[in-house]
Amino acid sequence: MAVQERLYTADEFFQMDFGDSGKLYELVKGAIEEVPLSGGRATFTGGRIYVRIYTFVEVNQLGHVTTAEGGYILAHDPYTVRAPDIGFISKSKLSDEPVGFIPAAPDLAIEVLSPNDRTKNVLKKVREFLLAGTRLVWVVDPDDQTVEVYRLASGESMNVQLLESDSILDGEDVLPGFKLAIDEIFAK
């Protein structure tokens, strides 16, 4: 007979002390999962994107921007709490800054790939974000210097667009007016 692992709520997960392990965790269907840490290139790439989005959101008073430590509750019973490398949630969805996890999906989730990321796991997260209400997901690949733009199509299928050098990343209806050249993301 198999022993079932205990399932945790978002509040229980938020209260947990993981010490100084230097590791990141997410809650997936009530189970705690370790998330691989990013390498230098992924972190620098994410930083360049974060600064531009944060500045745009602040200047235009659009909402809130989070880093990889900010968790969003994507599902209840069992709970799923995911933390994109960069997230944006509009002030119409979230007027306050909650003490605990953000009680809704981000409007924009950005995952910056690192050498430890597995394609299957990243696509699983993309799907979870979209099905929870995230309107736009960007998967940034520093090695290939590309960005995949995901939106939910009809039903549960995903629509993906690949952007390469000389392309412009567009905030579309999620961040109207936001534009970022792909070449600027990967500038050294």
C-alpha atoms as a PDB file:
ATOM      1  CA  MET A   1       0.000   0.000   0.000  1.00  0.00           C
ATOM      2  CA  ALA A   2       1.397   3.419  -0.985  1.00  0.00           C
ATOM      3  CA  VAL A   3       1.608   6.178   1.591  1.00  0.00           C
ATOM      4  CA  GLN A   4       0.185   9.462   0.338  1.00  0.00           C
ATOM      5  CA  GLU A   5       2.286  12.550   0.904  1.00  0.00           C
ATOM      6  CA  ARG A   6       0.656  15.278   2.984  1.00  0.00           C
ATOM      7  CA  LEU A   7      -0.849  18.095   0.916  1.00  0.00           C
ATOM      8  CA  TYR A   8      -0.250  21.672   2.019  1.00  0.00           C
ATOM      9  CA  THR A   9      -2.342  24.803   1.686  1.00  0.00           C
ATOM     10  CA  ALA A  10      -0.936  28.090   0.378  1.00  0.00           C
ATOM     11  CA  ASP A  11      -1.027  29.550   3.915  1.00  0.00           C
ATOM     12  CA  GLU A  12       0.891  26.589   5.374  1.00  0.00           C
ATOM     13  CA  PHE A  13       3.441  26.820   2.581  1.00  0.00           C
ATOM     14  CA  PHE A  14       3.871  30.565   3.136  1.00  0.00           C
ATOM     15  CA  GLN A  15       4.571  30.005   6.851  1.00  0.00           C
ATOM     16  CA  MET A  16       7.290  27.405   6.231  1.00  0.00           C
ATOM     17  CA  ASP A  17      10.891  28.177   7.063  1.00  0.00           C
ATOM     18  CA  PHE A  18      13.264  26.631   4.550  1.00  0.00           C
ATOM     19  CA  GLY A  19      16.267  28.060   6.361  1.00  0.00           C
ATOM     20  CA  ASP A  20      19.311  29.359   4.553  1.00  0.00           C
ATOM     21  CA  SER A  21      19.407  26.563   2.007  1.00  0.00           C
ATOM     22  CA  GLY A  22      19.609  29.000  -0.903  1.00  0.00           C
ATOM     23  CA  LYS A  23      16.952  26.922  -2.652  1.00  0.00           C
ATOM     24  CA  LEU A  24      13.611  28.008  -4.080  1.00  0.00           C
ATOM     25  CA  TYR A  25      10.380  26.050  -3.765  1.00  0.00           C
ATOM     26  CA  GLU A  26       6.908  26.089  -5.291  1.00  0.00           C
ATOM     27  CA  LEU A  27       3.707  24.374  -4.227  1.00  0.00           C
ATOM     28  CA  VAL A  28       2.275  22.149  -6.969  1.00  0.00           C
ATOM     29  CA  LYS A  29      -1.074  20.466  -6.332  1.00  0.00           C
ATOM     30  CA  GLY A  30      -0.381  20.646  -2.598  1.00  0.00           C
ATOM     31  CA  ALA A  31       3.133  19.123  -2.812  1.00  0.00           C
ATOM     32  CA  ILE A  32       6.341  21.078  -2.265  1.00  0.00           C
ATOM     33  CA  GLU A  33       8.737  21.034  -5.220  1.00  0.00           C
ATOM     34  CA  GLU A  34      12.248  22.394  -5.382  1.00  0.00           C
ATOM     35  CA  VAL A  35      12.871  24.827  -8.239  1.00  0.00           C
ATOM     36  CA  PRO A  36      16.333  24.925  -9.821  1.00  0.00           C
ATOM     37  CA  LEU A  37      18.279  28.115  -9.202  1.00  0.00           C
ATOM     38  CA  SER A  38      19.228  30.239 -12.196  1.00  0.00           C
ATOM     39  CA  GLY A  39      22.737  30.715 -13.457  1.00  0.00           C
ATOM     40  CA  GLY A  40      24.449  34.046 -14.051  1.00  0.00           C
ATOM     41  CA  ARG A  41      23.382  34.499 -17.671  1.00  0.00           C
ATOM     42  CA  ALA A  42      19.719  33.806 -16.891  1.00  0.00           C
ATOM     43  CA  THR A  43      19.809  36.143 -13.900  1.00  0.00           C
ATOM     44  CA  PHE A  44      21.421  38.989 -15.856  1.00  0.00           C
ATOM     45  CA  THR A  45      18.952  38.525 -18.717  1.00  0.00           C
ATOM     46  CA  GLY A  46      16.023  38.525 -16.297  1.00  0.00           C
ATOM     47  CA  GLY A  47      17.374  41.659 -14.628  1.00  0.00           C
ATOM     48  CA  ARG A  48      17.447  43.565 -17.903  1.00  0.00           C
ATOM     49  CA  ILE A  49      13.825  42.602 -18.592  1.00  0.00           C
ATOM     50  CA  TYR A  50      12.685  43.333 -15.022  1.00  0.00           C
ATOM     51  CA  VAL A  51      14.119  46.864 -15.000  1.00  0.00           C
ATOM     52  CA  ARG A  52      12.371  47.789 -18.232  1.00  0.00           C
ATOM     53  CA  ILE A  53       9.009  46.324 -17.225  1.00  0.00           C
ATOM     54  CA  TYR A  54       9.155  47.735 -13.701  1.00  0.00           C
ATOM     55  CA  THR A  55       9.954  51.218 -15.012  1.00  0.00           C
ATOM     56  CA  PHE A  56       7.140  51.053 -17.578  1.00  0.00           C
ATOM     57  CA  VAL A  57       4.605  49.809 -15.007  1.00  0.00           C
ATOM     58  CA  GLU A  58       5.592  52.434 -12.420  1.00  0.00           C
ATOM     59  CA  VAL A  59       5.574  55.362 -14.854  1.00  0.00           C
ATOM     60  CA  ASN A  60       2.154  54.340 -16.153  1.00  0.00           C
ATOM     61  CA  GLN A  61       0.796  53.269 -12.723  1.00  0.00           C
ATOM     62  CA  LEU A  62      -0.381  49.921 -14.103  1.00  0.00           C
ATOM     63  CA  GLY A  63       0.068  47.605 -11.125  1.00  0.00           C
ATOM     64  CA  HIS A  64       2.755  45.458  -9.549  1.00  0.00           C
ATOM     65  CA  VAL A  65       5.877  43.653 -10.794  1.00  0.00           C
ATOM     66  CA  THR A  66       7.364  40.683  -8.931  1.00  0.00           C
ATOM     67  CA  THR A  67      10.601  38.733  -8.978  1.00  0.00           C
ATOM     68  CA  ALA A  68      11.232  34.984  -8.621  1.00  0.00           C
ATOM     69  CA  GLU A  69      10.477  35.094  -4.902  1.00  0.00           C
ATOM     70  CA  GLY A  70       6.904  36.314  -5.423  1.00  0.00           C
ATOM     71  CA  GLY A  71       4.349  33.506  -5.435  1.00  0.00           C
ATOM     72  CA  TYR A  72       0.967  33.554  -7.179  1.00  0.00           C
ATOM     73  CA  ILE A  73      -1.857  31.212  -6.170  1.00  0.00           C
ATOM     74  CA  LEU A  74      -2.907  29.503  -9.401  1.00  0.00           C
ATOM     75  CA  ALA A  75      -5.213  26.819  -7.997  1.00  0.00           C
ATOM     76  CA  HIS A  76      -7.047  25.798  -4.822  1.00  0.00           C
ATOM     77  CA  ASP A  77      -7.844  22.372  -3.378  1.00  0.00           C
ATOM     78  CA  PRO A  78      -5.163  21.276  -3.876  1.00  0.00           C
ATOM     79  CA  TYR A  79      -3.197  24.501  -3.931  1.00  0.00           C
ATOM     80  CA  THR A  80      -0.658  25.461  -6.566  1.00  0.00           C
ATOM     81  CA  VAL A  81       1.639  28.425  -5.917  1.00  0.00           C
ATOM     82  CA  ARG A  82       4.023  29.314  -8.722  1.00  0.00           C
ATOM     83  CA  ALA A  83       6.657  32.046  -8.844  1.00  0.00           C
ATOM     84  CA  PRO A  84       7.607  33.227 -12.328  1.00  0.00           C
ATOM     85  CA  ASP A  85      11.044  34.768 -12.734  1.00  0.00           C
ATOM     86  CA  ILE A  86       9.188  38.015 -13.422  1.00  0.00           C
ATOM     87  CA  GLY A  87       5.474  38.600 -12.994  1.00  0.00           C
ATOM     88  CA  PHE A  88       3.120  41.498 -13.617  1.00  0.00           C
ATOM     89  CA  ILE A  89      -0.363  41.852 -12.154  1.00  0.00           C
ATOM     90  CA  SER A  90      -2.571  44.809 -12.974  1.00  0.00           C
ATOM     91  CA  LYS A  91      -3.936  47.095 -10.288  1.00  0.00           C
ATOM     92  CA  SER A  92      -7.447  46.190 -11.476  1.00  0.00           C
ATOM     93  CA  LYS A  93      -6.757  42.595 -10.305  1.00  0.00           C
ATOM     94  CA  LEU A  94      -4.735  43.528  -7.226  1.00  0.00           C
ATOM     95  CA  SER A  95      -5.037  46.914  -5.581  1.00  0.00           C
ATOM     96  CA  ASP A  96      -3.083  46.100  -2.393  1.00  0.00           C
ATOM     97  CA  GLU A  97       0.243  44.431  -1.743  1.00  0.00           C
ATOM     98  CA  PRO A  98      -0.706  41.269   0.196  1.00  0.00           C
ATOM     99  CA  VAL A  99       1.494  39.974   2.994  1.00  0.00           C
ATOM    100  CA  GLY A 100       1.168  36.384   1.769  1.00  0.00           C
ATOM    101  CA  PHE A 101       1.071  34.965  -1.718  1.00  0.00           C
ATOM    102  CA  ILE A 102      -0.729  36.901  -4.421  1.00  0.00           C
ATOM    103  CA  PRO A 103      -4.267  35.462  -4.559  1.00  0.00           C
ATOM    104  CA  ALA A 104      -4.565  35.479  -8.365  1.00  0.00           C
ATOM    105  CA  ALA A 105      -2.636  34.557 -11.497  1.00  0.00           C
ATOM    106  CA  PRO A 106      -0.330  37.212 -12.938  1.00  0.00           C
ATOM    107  CA  ASP A 107      -1.413  38.951 -16.138  1.00  0.00           C
ATOM    108  CA  LEU A 108       2.101  38.387 -17.511  1.00  0.00           C
ATOM    109  CA  ALA A 109       4.493  35.616 -16.437  1.00  0.00           C
ATOM    110  CA  ILE A 110       8.083  35.506 -17.645  1.00  0.00           C
ATOM    111  CA  GLU A 111      10.320  32.465 -17.352  1.00  0.00           C
ATOM    112  CA  VAL A 112      14.009  32.911 -18.147  1.00  0.00           C
ATOM    113  CA  LEU A 113      15.583  29.566 -18.985  1.00  0.00           C
ATOM    114  CA  SER A 114      18.708  28.432 -17.204  1.00  0.00           C
ATOM    115  CA  PRO A 115      20.842  25.366 -17.981  1.00  0.00           C
ATOM    116  CA  ASN A 116      19.018  23.371 -15.263  1.00  0.00           C
ATOM    117  CA  ASP A 117      15.520  23.921 -16.673  1.00  0.00           C
ATOM    118  CA  ARG A 118      13.793  21.017 -18.404  1.00  0.00           C
ATOM    119  CA  THR A 119      11.568  21.836 -21.378  1.00  0.00           C
ATOM    120  CA  LYS A 120       8.776  19.563 -20.108  1.00  0.00           C
ATOM    121  CA  ASN A 121       8.689  21.321 -16.727  1.00  0.00           C
ATOM    122  CA  VAL A 122       8.736  24.799 -18.255  1.00  0.00           C
ATOM    123  CA  LEU A 123       5.865  23.962 -20.613  1.00  0.00           C
ATOM    124  CA  LYS A 124       3.907  22.533 -17.668  1.00  0.00           C
ATOM    125  CA  LYS A 125       4.313  25.849 -15.840  1.00  0.00           C
ATOM    126  CA  VAL A 126       3.331  27.826 -18.948  1.00  0.00           C
ATOM    127  CA  ARG A 127       0.144  25.760 -19.256  1.00  0.00           C
ATOM    128  CA  GLU A 128      -0.655  26.180 -15.535  1.00  0.00           C
ATOM    129  CA  PHE A 129      -0.250  29.951 -15.773  1.00  0.00           C
ATOM    130  CA  LEU A 130      -2.467  30.218 -18.850  1.00  0.00           C
ATOM    131  CA  LEU A 131      -5.201  27.940 -17.491  1.00  0.00           C
ATOM    132  CA  ALA A 132      -5.212  29.939 -14.230  1.00  0.00           C
ATOM    133  CA  GLY A 133      -5.873  33.196 -16.095  1.00  0.00           C
ATOM    134  CA  THR A 134      -2.459  34.530 -17.094  1.00  0.00           C
ATOM    135  CA  ARG A 135      -2.991  36.298 -20.384  1.00  0.00           C
ATOM    136  CA  LEU A 136       0.571  36.285 -21.694  1.00  0.00           C
ATOM    137  CA  VAL A 137       3.652  34.157 -20.941  1.00  0.00           C
ATOM    138  CA  TRP A 138       7.138  34.859 -22.262  1.00  0.00           C
ATOM    139  CA  VAL A 139       9.773  32.100 -22.165  1.00  0.00           C
ATOM    140  CA  VAL A 140      13.173  33.707 -22.640  1.00  0.00           C
ATOM    141  CA  ASP A 141      16.103  31.562 -23.811  1.00  0.00           C
ATOM    142  CA  PRO A 142      19.471  33.286 -23.221  1.00  0.00           C
ATOM    143  CA  ASP A 143      21.381  30.506 -25.008  1.00  0.00           C
ATOM    144  CA  ASP A 144      19.393  30.702 -28.263  1.00  0.00           C
ATOM    145  CA  GLN A 145      18.641  34.412 -27.771  1.00  0.00           C
ATOM    146  CA  THR A 146      14.961  33.866 -28.490  1.00  0.00           C
ATOM    147  CA  VAL A 147      11.647  34.542 -26.765  1.00  0.00           C
ATOM    148  CA  GLU A 148       8.605  32.317 -27.092  1.00  0.00           C
ATOM    149  CA  VAL A 149       5.329  34.180 -26.578  1.00  0.00           C
ATOM    150  CA  TYR A 150       2.434  32.037 -25.303  1.00  0.00           C
ATOM    151  CA  ARG A 151      -1.275  32.839 -25.176  1.00  0.00           C
ATOM    152  CA  LEU A 152      -4.217  30.578 -24.510  1.00  0.00           C
ATOM    153  CA  ALA A 153      -5.978  29.718 -27.761  1.00  0.00           C
ATOM    154  CA  SER A 154      -9.375  28.020 -27.908  1.00  0.00           C
ATOM    155  CA  GLY A 155     -10.068  25.506 -25.173  1.00  0.00           C
ATOM    156  CA  GLU A 156      -6.850  24.451 -23.459  1.00  0.00           C
ATOM    157  CA  SER A 157      -4.558  24.696 -26.464  1.00  0.00           C
ATOM    158  CA  MET A 158      -1.707  27.187 -26.496  1.00  0.00           C
ATOM    159  CA  ASN A 159      -0.722  29.567 -29.227  1.00  0.00           C
ATOM    160  CA  VAL A 160       3.048  30.165 -29.451  1.00  0.00           C
ATOM    161  CA  GLN A 161       5.087  32.687 -31.417  1.00  0.00           C
ATOM    162  CA  LEU A 162       8.889  32.544 -31.664  1.00  0.00           C
ATOM    163  CA  LEU A 163      10.735  35.868 -31.653  1.00  0.00           C
ATOM    164  CA  GLU A 164      14.373  36.075 -32.681  1.00  0.00           C
ATOM    165  CA  SER A 165      16.993  38.771 -33.191  1.00  0.00           C
ATOM    166  CA  ASP A 166      15.687  41.999 -34.772  1.00  0.00           C
ATOM    167  CA  SER A 167      12.156  41.297 -33.444  1.00  0.00           C
ATOM    168  CA  ILE A 168      10.234  43.440 -30.979  1.00  0.00           C
ATOM    169  CA  LEU A 169       8.633  42.017 -27.854  1.00  0.00           C
ATOM    170  CA  ASP A 170       5.217  43.645 -27.454  1.00  0.00           C
ATOM    171  CA  GLY A 171       3.201  43.981 -24.244  1.00  0.00           C
ATOM    172  CA  GLU A 172       0.059  43.639 -26.355  1.00  0.00           C
ATOM    173  CA  ASP A 173      -3.167  44.228 -24.389  1.00  0.00           C
ATOM    174  CA  VAL A 174      -1.484  43.191 -21.121  1.00  0.00           C
ATOM    175  CA  LEU A 175       1.049  46.061 -21.097  1.00  0.00           C
ATOM    176  CA  PRO A 176      -0.290  48.378 -23.816  1.00  0.00           C
ATOM    177  CA  GLY A 177       2.485  50.450 -25.331  1.00  0.00           C
ATOM    178  CA  PHE A 178       5.344  48.370 -23.906  1.00  0.00           C
ATOM    179  CA  LYS A 179       7.934  47.419 -26.518  1.00  0.00           C
ATOM    180  CA  LEU A 180      11.347  45.826 -26.054  1.00  0.00           C
ATOM    181  CA  ALA A 181      13.793  44.865 -28.787  1.00  0.00           C
ATOM    182  CA  ILE A 182      14.916  41.240 -28.503  1.00  0.00           C
ATOM    183  CA  ASP A 183      18.503  42.392 -29.117  1.00  0.00           C
ATOM    184  CA  GLU A 184      18.312  44.615 -25.986  1.00  0.00           C
ATOM    185  CA  ILE A 185      17.338  41.657 -23.814  1.00  0.00           C
ATOM    186  CA  PHE A 186      20.513  39.808 -24.718  1.00  0.00           C
ATOM    187  CA  ALA A 187      22.871  42.802 -24.904  1.00  0.00           C
ATOM    188  CA  LYS A 188      26.053  42.271 -22.972  1.00  0.00           C
END
